[in-house]
Amino acid sequence: MPAVRMTREERRIQTRRRLLDAAGEVFAQHGYHAASVDQVAERAGFTTGAVYSAFGSKQELFLGVVEDHMRASVATMEAAVAQRTTVDDRVRVGAEHWMALIQRTPEMILLHTEFWAFAVRDPDVRPRVAAYYAEVRASLCRLLSAGARELGLRLMMPVEEIAVAVEALADGVARQRLSDPEVVADDLFARLLSQLLQSVSAPVDEPLGGA
């Protein structure tokens, strides 16, 4: 049987995927500034021209790597958390997912930090970092709103503000864990997150202000 030929669009998607995977490895190993497009091309098995054809610049490739990793991580976390039926279970699973990510791929957490520091200094790139964090917050808002609705809870602050707090807490825990693992217990993020969510939610049938 003759091999099925890929369409032009399928080849473009496959090339982009291989370049993102290779770039993720190169950027994680060397950091943004020390990594080169030539290194990415060699690792992916393409020419340097193919990299520029797919992404236009090293900057666009770097942004693509970070955004791709973020979307994959968020999708995995959403799927895992959605299967749990209690607040405690959802908090625990979400926190464990984040801590496992820090442990498994610390270099990607560092890339996210580098992405933020790089982008906020450049007014042309800053909207990208704003969109990046907005996408993460949107996912958190979906999880928080769905959890409150399904578990019979009322959020006592705007869900967007709670999402900002959760995101800031996650970033802070990650940085502390990477700089000094001994001071961050494996369950610290889960305990902090649980306390935060308890303070901003109440059962739907509980009167406002308590009773």
C-alpha atoms as a PDB file:
ATOM      1  CA  MET A   1       0.000   0.000   0.000  1.00  0.00           C
ATOM      2  CA  PRO A   2       1.497   3.401  -0.961  1.00  0.00           C
ATOM      3  CA  ALA A   3       2.254   5.801   1.868  1.00  0.00           C
ATOM      4  CA  VAL A   4      -0.368   8.486   2.447  1.00  0.00           C
ATOM      5  CA  ARG A   5       1.058  11.850   1.472  1.00  0.00           C
ATOM      6  CA  MET A   6       0.584  14.709   3.918  1.00  0.00           C
ATOM      7  CA  THR A   7      -1.074  17.874   2.769  1.00  0.00           C
ATOM      8  CA  ARG A   8       0.866  21.127   2.791  1.00  0.00           C
ATOM      9  CA  GLU A   9      -0.963  22.224   5.931  1.00  0.00           C
ATOM     10  CA  GLU A  10      -0.207  18.931   7.687  1.00  0.00           C
ATOM     11  CA  ARG A  11       3.489  19.305   6.829  1.00  0.00           C
ATOM     12  CA  ARG A  12       3.455  22.886   8.134  1.00  0.00           C
ATOM     13  CA  ILE A  13       1.898  21.757  11.436  1.00  0.00           C
ATOM     14  CA  GLN A  14       4.384  18.899  11.779  1.00  0.00           C
ATOM     15  CA  THR A  15       7.328  21.198  11.074  1.00  0.00           C
ATOM     16  CA  ARG A  16       6.083  23.734  13.601  1.00  0.00           C
ATOM     17  CA  ARG A  17       5.665  20.994  16.214  1.00  0.00           C
ATOM     18  CA  ARG A  18       9.193  19.666  15.681  1.00  0.00           C
ATOM     19  CA  LEU A  19      10.640  23.175  15.873  1.00  0.00           C
ATOM     20  CA  LEU A  20       8.749  23.988  19.081  1.00  0.00           C
ATOM     21  CA  ASP A  21       9.911  20.743  20.701  1.00  0.00           C
ATOM     22  CA  ALA A  22      13.526  21.344  19.675  1.00  0.00           C
ATOM     23  CA  ALA A  23      13.406  25.000  20.705  1.00  0.00           C
ATOM     24  CA  GLY A  24      11.960  24.052  24.084  1.00  0.00           C
ATOM     25  CA  GLU A  25      14.962  21.815  24.721  1.00  0.00           C
ATOM     26  CA  VAL A  26      17.495  24.388  23.500  1.00  0.00           C
ATOM     27  CA  PHE A  27      15.997  27.351  25.354  1.00  0.00           C
ATOM     28  CA  ALA A  28      15.609  25.269  28.516  1.00  0.00           C
ATOM     29  CA  GLN A  29      19.249  24.220  28.325  1.00  0.00           C
ATOM     30  CA  HIS A  30      20.813  27.570  27.451  1.00  0.00           C
ATOM     31  CA  GLY A  31      18.250  30.293  28.262  1.00  0.00           C
ATOM     32  CA  TYR A  32      16.891  32.790  25.759  1.00  0.00           C
ATOM     33  CA  HIS A  33      19.945  34.953  25.198  1.00  0.00           C
ATOM     34  CA  ALA A  34      22.559  32.171  24.959  1.00  0.00           C
ATOM     35  CA  ALA A  35      20.459  29.928  22.714  1.00  0.00           C
ATOM     36  CA  SER A  36      20.719  30.347  18.948  1.00  0.00           C
ATOM     37  CA  VAL A  37      18.405  29.690  16.027  1.00  0.00           C
ATOM     38  CA  ASP A  38      21.163  27.550  14.494  1.00  0.00           C
ATOM     39  CA  GLN A  39      21.091  25.272  17.553  1.00  0.00           C
ATOM     40  CA  VAL A  40      17.315  24.905  17.272  1.00  0.00           C
ATOM     41  CA  ALA A  41      17.497  24.123  13.559  1.00  0.00           C
ATOM     42  CA  GLU A  42      20.210  21.510  14.073  1.00  0.00           C
ATOM     43  CA  ARG A  43      18.309  19.804  16.888  1.00  0.00           C
ATOM     44  CA  ALA A  44      15.085  19.724  14.852  1.00  0.00           C
ATOM     45  CA  GLY A  45      16.818  18.527  11.700  1.00  0.00           C
ATOM     46  CA  PHE A  46      15.910  21.571   9.610  1.00  0.00           C
ATOM     47  CA  THR A  47      17.752  24.474   8.071  1.00  0.00           C
ATOM     48  CA  THR A  48      17.974  27.825   9.812  1.00  0.00           C
ATOM     49  CA  GLY A  49      15.867  29.214   6.981  1.00  0.00           C
ATOM     50  CA  ALA A  50      13.078  26.795   7.900  1.00  0.00           C
ATOM     51  CA  VAL A  51      13.022  28.181  11.437  1.00  0.00           C
ATOM     52  CA  TYR A  52      12.708  31.748  10.206  1.00  0.00           C
ATOM     53  CA  SER A  53      10.089  30.698   7.668  1.00  0.00           C
ATOM     54  CA  ALA A  54       7.940  29.165  10.406  1.00  0.00           C
ATOM     55  CA  PHE A  55       8.411  31.780  13.142  1.00  0.00           C
ATOM     56  CA  GLY A  56       9.995  34.871  11.621  1.00  0.00           C
ATOM     57  CA  SER A  57      12.442  35.538  14.456  1.00  0.00           C
ATOM     58  CA  LYS A  58      14.128  34.041  17.511  1.00  0.00           C
ATOM     59  CA  GLN A  59      11.828  36.180  19.652  1.00  0.00           C
ATOM     60  CA  GLU A  60       8.686  34.734  18.049  1.00  0.00           C
ATOM     61  CA  LEU A  61      10.063  31.221  18.452  1.00  0.00           C
ATOM     62  CA  PHE A  62      10.760  31.831  22.146  1.00  0.00           C
ATOM     63  CA  LEU A  63       7.288  33.256  22.728  1.00  0.00           C
ATOM     64  CA  GLY A  64       5.821  30.287  20.867  1.00  0.00           C
ATOM     65  CA  VAL A  65       7.654  27.814  23.117  1.00  0.00           C
ATOM     66  CA  VAL A  66       6.490  29.452  26.348  1.00  0.00           C
ATOM     67  CA  GLU A  67       2.892  29.836  25.189  1.00  0.00           C
ATOM     68  CA  ASP A  68       2.776  26.246  23.902  1.00  0.00           C
ATOM     69  CA  HIS A  69       4.047  24.909  27.227  1.00  0.00           C
ATOM     70  CA  MET A  70       1.599  27.076  29.171  1.00  0.00           C
ATOM     71  CA  ARG A  71      -1.426  25.913  27.150  1.00  0.00           C
ATOM     72  CA  ALA A  72      -0.483  22.250  27.475  1.00  0.00           C
ATOM     73  CA  SER A  73       0.029  22.576  31.241  1.00  0.00           C
ATOM     74  CA  VAL A  74      -3.233  24.448  31.761  1.00  0.00           C
ATOM     75  CA  ALA A  75      -5.209  21.919  29.715  1.00  0.00           C
ATOM     76  CA  THR A  76      -3.760  19.023  31.723  1.00  0.00           C
ATOM     77  CA  MET A  77      -4.550  20.724  35.022  1.00  0.00           C
ATOM     78  CA  GLU A  78      -8.116  21.590  33.985  1.00  0.00           C
ATOM     79  CA  ALA A  79      -8.791  17.990  32.984  1.00  0.00           C
ATOM     80  CA  ALA A  80      -7.366  16.594  36.243  1.00  0.00           C
ATOM     81  CA  VAL A  81      -9.182  19.044  38.520  1.00  0.00           C
ATOM     82  CA  ALA A  82     -12.545  18.688  36.757  1.00  0.00           C
ATOM     83  CA  GLN A  83     -12.723  15.002  37.691  1.00  0.00           C
ATOM     84  CA  ARG A  84     -12.710  15.732  41.441  1.00  0.00           C
ATOM     85  CA  THR A  85     -15.937  16.142  43.377  1.00  0.00           C
ATOM     86  CA  THR A  86     -14.934  18.073  46.504  1.00  0.00           C
ATOM     87  CA  VAL A  87     -13.213  21.396  47.142  1.00  0.00           C
ATOM     88  CA  ASP A  88     -10.401  19.706  49.063  1.00  0.00           C
ATOM     89  CA  ASP A  89      -9.759  17.211  46.266  1.00  0.00           C
ATOM     90  CA  ARG A  90      -9.718  19.905  43.595  1.00  0.00           C
ATOM     91  CA  VAL A  91      -7.348  22.077  45.592  1.00  0.00           C
ATOM     92  CA  ARG A  92      -5.064  19.131  46.327  1.00  0.00           C
ATOM     93  CA  VAL A  93      -4.940  17.912  42.730  1.00  0.00           C
ATOM     94  CA  GLY A  94      -4.399  21.401  41.311  1.00  0.00           C
ATOM     95  CA  ALA A  95      -1.620  22.132  43.803  1.00  0.00           C
ATOM     96  CA  GLU A  96       0.030  18.745  43.240  1.00  0.00           C
ATOM     97  CA  HIS A  97      -0.038  19.332  39.483  1.00  0.00           C
ATOM     98  CA  TRP A  98       1.787  22.650  39.905  1.00  0.00           C
ATOM     99  CA  MET A  99       4.357  21.292  42.337  1.00  0.00           C
ATOM    100  CA  ALA A 100       5.015  18.285  40.093  1.00  0.00           C
ATOM    101  CA  LEU A 101       5.563  20.635  37.165  1.00  0.00           C
ATOM    102  CA  ILE A 102       8.146  22.594  39.167  1.00  0.00           C
ATOM    103  CA  GLN A 103       9.889  19.357  40.125  1.00  0.00           C
ATOM    104  CA  ARG A 104       9.711  17.745  36.673  1.00  0.00           C
ATOM    105  CA  THR A 105      10.592  20.706  34.462  1.00  0.00           C
ATOM    106  CA  PRO A 106      12.250  23.439  36.549  1.00  0.00           C
ATOM    107  CA  GLU A 107      13.923  24.790  33.417  1.00  0.00           C
ATOM    108  CA  MET A 108      10.494  25.580  31.928  1.00  0.00           C
ATOM    109  CA  ILE A 109       9.500  27.521  35.041  1.00  0.00           C
ATOM    110  CA  LEU A 110      12.704  29.516  34.619  1.00  0.00           C
ATOM    111  CA  LEU A 111      11.806  30.128  30.973  1.00  0.00           C
ATOM    112  CA  HIS A 112       8.430  31.514  32.014  1.00  0.00           C
ATOM    113  CA  THR A 113      10.203  33.886  34.402  1.00  0.00           C
ATOM    114  CA  GLU A 114      12.647  34.871  31.661  1.00  0.00           C
ATOM    115  CA  PHE A 115       9.723  35.392  29.291  1.00  0.00           C
ATOM    116  CA  TRP A 116       8.071  37.764  31.779  1.00  0.00           C
ATOM    117  CA  ALA A 117      11.261  39.736  32.473  1.00  0.00           C
ATOM    118  CA  PHE A 118      12.044  39.941  28.764  1.00  0.00           C
ATOM    119  CA  ALA A 119       8.553  40.972  27.689  1.00  0.00           C
ATOM    120  CA  VAL A 120       7.679  43.618  30.262  1.00  0.00           C
ATOM    121  CA  ARG A 121      10.797  45.608  29.322  1.00  0.00           C
ATOM    122  CA  ASP A 122       9.787  45.800  25.662  1.00  0.00           C
ATOM    123  CA  PRO A 123       6.675  47.900  24.898  1.00  0.00           C
ATOM    124  CA  ASP A 124       6.244  46.073  21.602  1.00  0.00           C
ATOM    125  CA  VAL A 125       6.221  42.665  23.286  1.00  0.00           C
ATOM    126  CA  ARG A 126       4.463  43.615  26.536  1.00  0.00           C
ATOM    127  CA  PRO A 127       0.961  43.009  25.103  1.00  0.00           C
ATOM    128  CA  ARG A 128       1.989  39.410  24.511  1.00  0.00           C
ATOM    129  CA  VAL A 129       2.854  38.853  28.151  1.00  0.00           C
ATOM    130  CA  ALA A 130      -0.423  40.508  29.145  1.00  0.00           C
ATOM    131  CA  ALA A 131      -2.315  38.161  26.809  1.00  0.00           C
ATOM    132  CA  TYR A 132      -0.337  35.199  28.159  1.00  0.00           C
ATOM    133  CA  TYR A 133      -1.309  35.912  31.755  1.00  0.00           C
ATOM    134  CA  ALA A 134      -4.870  36.737  30.734  1.00  0.00           C
ATOM    135  CA  GLU A 135      -5.151  33.263  29.217  1.00  0.00           C
ATOM    136  CA  VAL A 136      -3.917  31.643  32.423  1.00  0.00           C
ATOM    137  CA  ARG A 137      -6.334  33.737  34.493  1.00  0.00           C
ATOM    138  CA  ALA A 138      -9.203  32.820  32.185  1.00  0.00           C
ATOM    139  CA  SER A 139      -8.496  29.159  32.838  1.00  0.00           C
ATOM    140  CA  LEU A 140      -8.404  29.759  36.588  1.00  0.00           C
ATOM    141  CA  CYS A 141     -11.666  31.698  36.371  1.00  0.00           C
ATOM    142  CA  ARG A 142     -13.292  28.768  34.579  1.00  0.00           C
ATOM    143  CA  LEU A 143     -12.076  26.338  37.225  1.00  0.00           C
ATOM    144  CA  LEU A 144     -13.113  28.571  40.123  1.00  0.00           C
ATOM    145  CA  SER A 145     -16.540  29.407  38.696  1.00  0.00           C
ATOM    146  CA  ALA A 146     -17.309  25.811  37.740  1.00  0.00           C
ATOM    147  CA  GLY A 147     -16.109  24.552  41.107  1.00  0.00           C
ATOM    148  CA  ALA A 148     -18.229  27.046  43.027  1.00  0.00           C
ATOM    149  CA  ARG A 149     -21.298  26.252  40.947  1.00  0.00           C
ATOM    150  CA  GLU A 150     -20.905  22.474  41.100  1.00  0.00           C
ATOM    151  CA  LEU A 151     -20.038  22.378  44.799  1.00  0.00           C
ATOM    152  CA  GLY A 152     -22.714  24.810  45.981  1.00  0.00           C
ATOM    153  CA  LEU A 153     -20.428  27.670  46.927  1.00  0.00           C
ATOM    154  CA  ARG A 154     -20.719  31.436  46.560  1.00  0.00           C
ATOM    155  CA  LEU A 155     -17.587  33.437  45.757  1.00  0.00           C
ATOM    156  CA  MET A 156     -17.432  36.578  47.913  1.00  0.00           C
ATOM    157  CA  MET A 157     -14.930  38.378  45.669  1.00  0.00           C
ATOM    158  CA  PRO A 158     -14.904  38.839  41.892  1.00  0.00           C
ATOM    159  CA  VAL A 159     -13.582  35.610  40.397  1.00  0.00           C
ATOM    160  CA  GLU A 160     -11.037  37.571  38.341  1.00  0.00           C
ATOM    161  CA  GLU A 161      -9.446  38.940  41.527  1.00  0.00           C
ATOM    162  CA  ILE A 162      -9.286  35.487  43.101  1.00  0.00           C
ATOM    163  CA  ALA A 163      -7.587  34.192  39.943  1.00  0.00           C
ATOM    164  CA  VAL A 164      -4.959  36.947  40.189  1.00  0.00           C
ATOM    165  CA  ALA A 165      -4.253  35.955  43.805  1.00  0.00           C
ATOM    166  CA  VAL A 166      -3.985  32.251  42.943  1.00  0.00           C
ATOM    167  CA  GLU A 167      -1.655  32.968  40.037  1.00  0.00           C
ATOM    168  CA  ALA A 168       0.564  35.230  42.165  1.00  0.00           C
ATOM    169  CA  LEU A 169       0.706  32.614  44.926  1.00  0.00           C
ATOM    170  CA  ALA A 170       1.666  29.886  42.435  1.00  0.00           C
ATOM    171  CA  ASP A 171       4.434  32.026  40.927  1.00  0.00           C
ATOM    172  CA  GLY A 172       5.813  32.937  44.338  1.00  0.00           C
ATOM    173  CA  VAL A 173       5.854  29.344  45.564  1.00  0.00           C
ATOM    174  CA  ALA A 174       7.607  28.239  42.372  1.00  0.00           C
ATOM    175  CA  ARG A 175      10.359  30.828  42.724  1.00  0.00           C
ATOM    176  CA  GLN A 176      10.922  30.019  46.392  1.00  0.00           C
ATOM    177  CA  ARG A 177      11.005  26.285  45.625  1.00  0.00           C
ATOM    178  CA  LEU A 178      13.578  26.757  42.868  1.00  0.00           C
ATOM    179  CA  SER A 179      15.790  29.068  44.933  1.00  0.00           C
ATOM    180  CA  ASP A 180      15.636  27.084  48.195  1.00  0.00           C
ATOM    181  CA  PRO A 181      13.729  23.770  48.014  1.00  0.00           C
ATOM    182  CA  GLU A 182      14.201  23.117  51.734  1.00  0.00           C
ATOM    183  CA  VAL A 183      11.926  25.995  52.787  1.00  0.00           C
ATOM    184  CA  VAL A 184       8.958  24.915  50.636  1.00  0.00           C
ATOM    185  CA  ALA A 185       7.214  21.754  51.840  1.00  0.00           C
ATOM    186  CA  ASP A 186       5.586  19.583  49.179  1.00  0.00           C
ATOM    187  CA  ASP A 187       2.117  20.379  50.501  1.00  0.00           C
ATOM    188  CA  LEU A 188       2.660  24.070  51.289  1.00  0.00           C
ATOM    189  CA  PHE A 189       0.980  25.359  48.133  1.00  0.00           C
ATOM    190  CA  ALA A 190      -2.047  23.104  48.710  1.00  0.00           C
ATOM    191  CA  ARG A 191      -2.433  24.339  52.295  1.00  0.00           C
ATOM    192  CA  LEU A 192      -2.096  27.998  51.309  1.00  0.00           C
ATOM    193  CA  LEU A 193      -4.493  27.589  48.403  1.00  0.00           C
ATOM    194  CA  SER A 194      -7.041  25.864  50.613  1.00  0.00           C
ATOM    195  CA  GLN A 195      -6.904  28.709  53.145  1.00  0.00           C
ATOM    196  CA  LEU A 196      -7.247  31.305  50.401  1.00  0.00           C
ATOM    197  CA  LEU A 197     -10.292  29.660  48.846  1.00  0.00           C
ATOM    198  CA  GLN A 198     -11.957  29.102  52.213  1.00  0.00           C
ATOM    199  CA  SER A 199     -11.598  32.811  52.969  1.00  0.00           C
ATOM    200  CA  VAL A 200     -13.299  33.923  49.750  1.00  0.00           C
ATOM    201  CA  SER A 201     -16.152  31.400  49.511  1.00  0.00           C
ATOM    202  CA  ALA A 202     -19.167  30.287  51.514  1.00  0.00           C
ATOM    203  CA  PRO A 203     -22.039  27.821  51.059  1.00  0.00           C
ATOM    204  CA  VAL A 204     -24.798  29.232  48.887  1.00  0.00           C
ATOM    205  CA  ASP A 205     -27.368  28.814  51.672  1.00  0.00           C
ATOM    206  CA  GLU A 206     -25.247  30.714  54.217  1.00  0.00           C
ATOM    207  CA  PRO A 207     -26.519  34.304  54.750  1.00  0.00           C
ATOM    208  CA  LEU A 208     -24.225  37.135  53.707  1.00  0.00           C
ATOM    209  CA  GLY A 209     -22.041  38.255  56.619  1.00  0.00           C
ATOM    210  CA  GLY A 210     -22.587  34.949  58.424  1.00  0.00           C
ATOM    211  CA  ALA A 211     -25.456  34.234  60.742  1.00  0.00           C
END
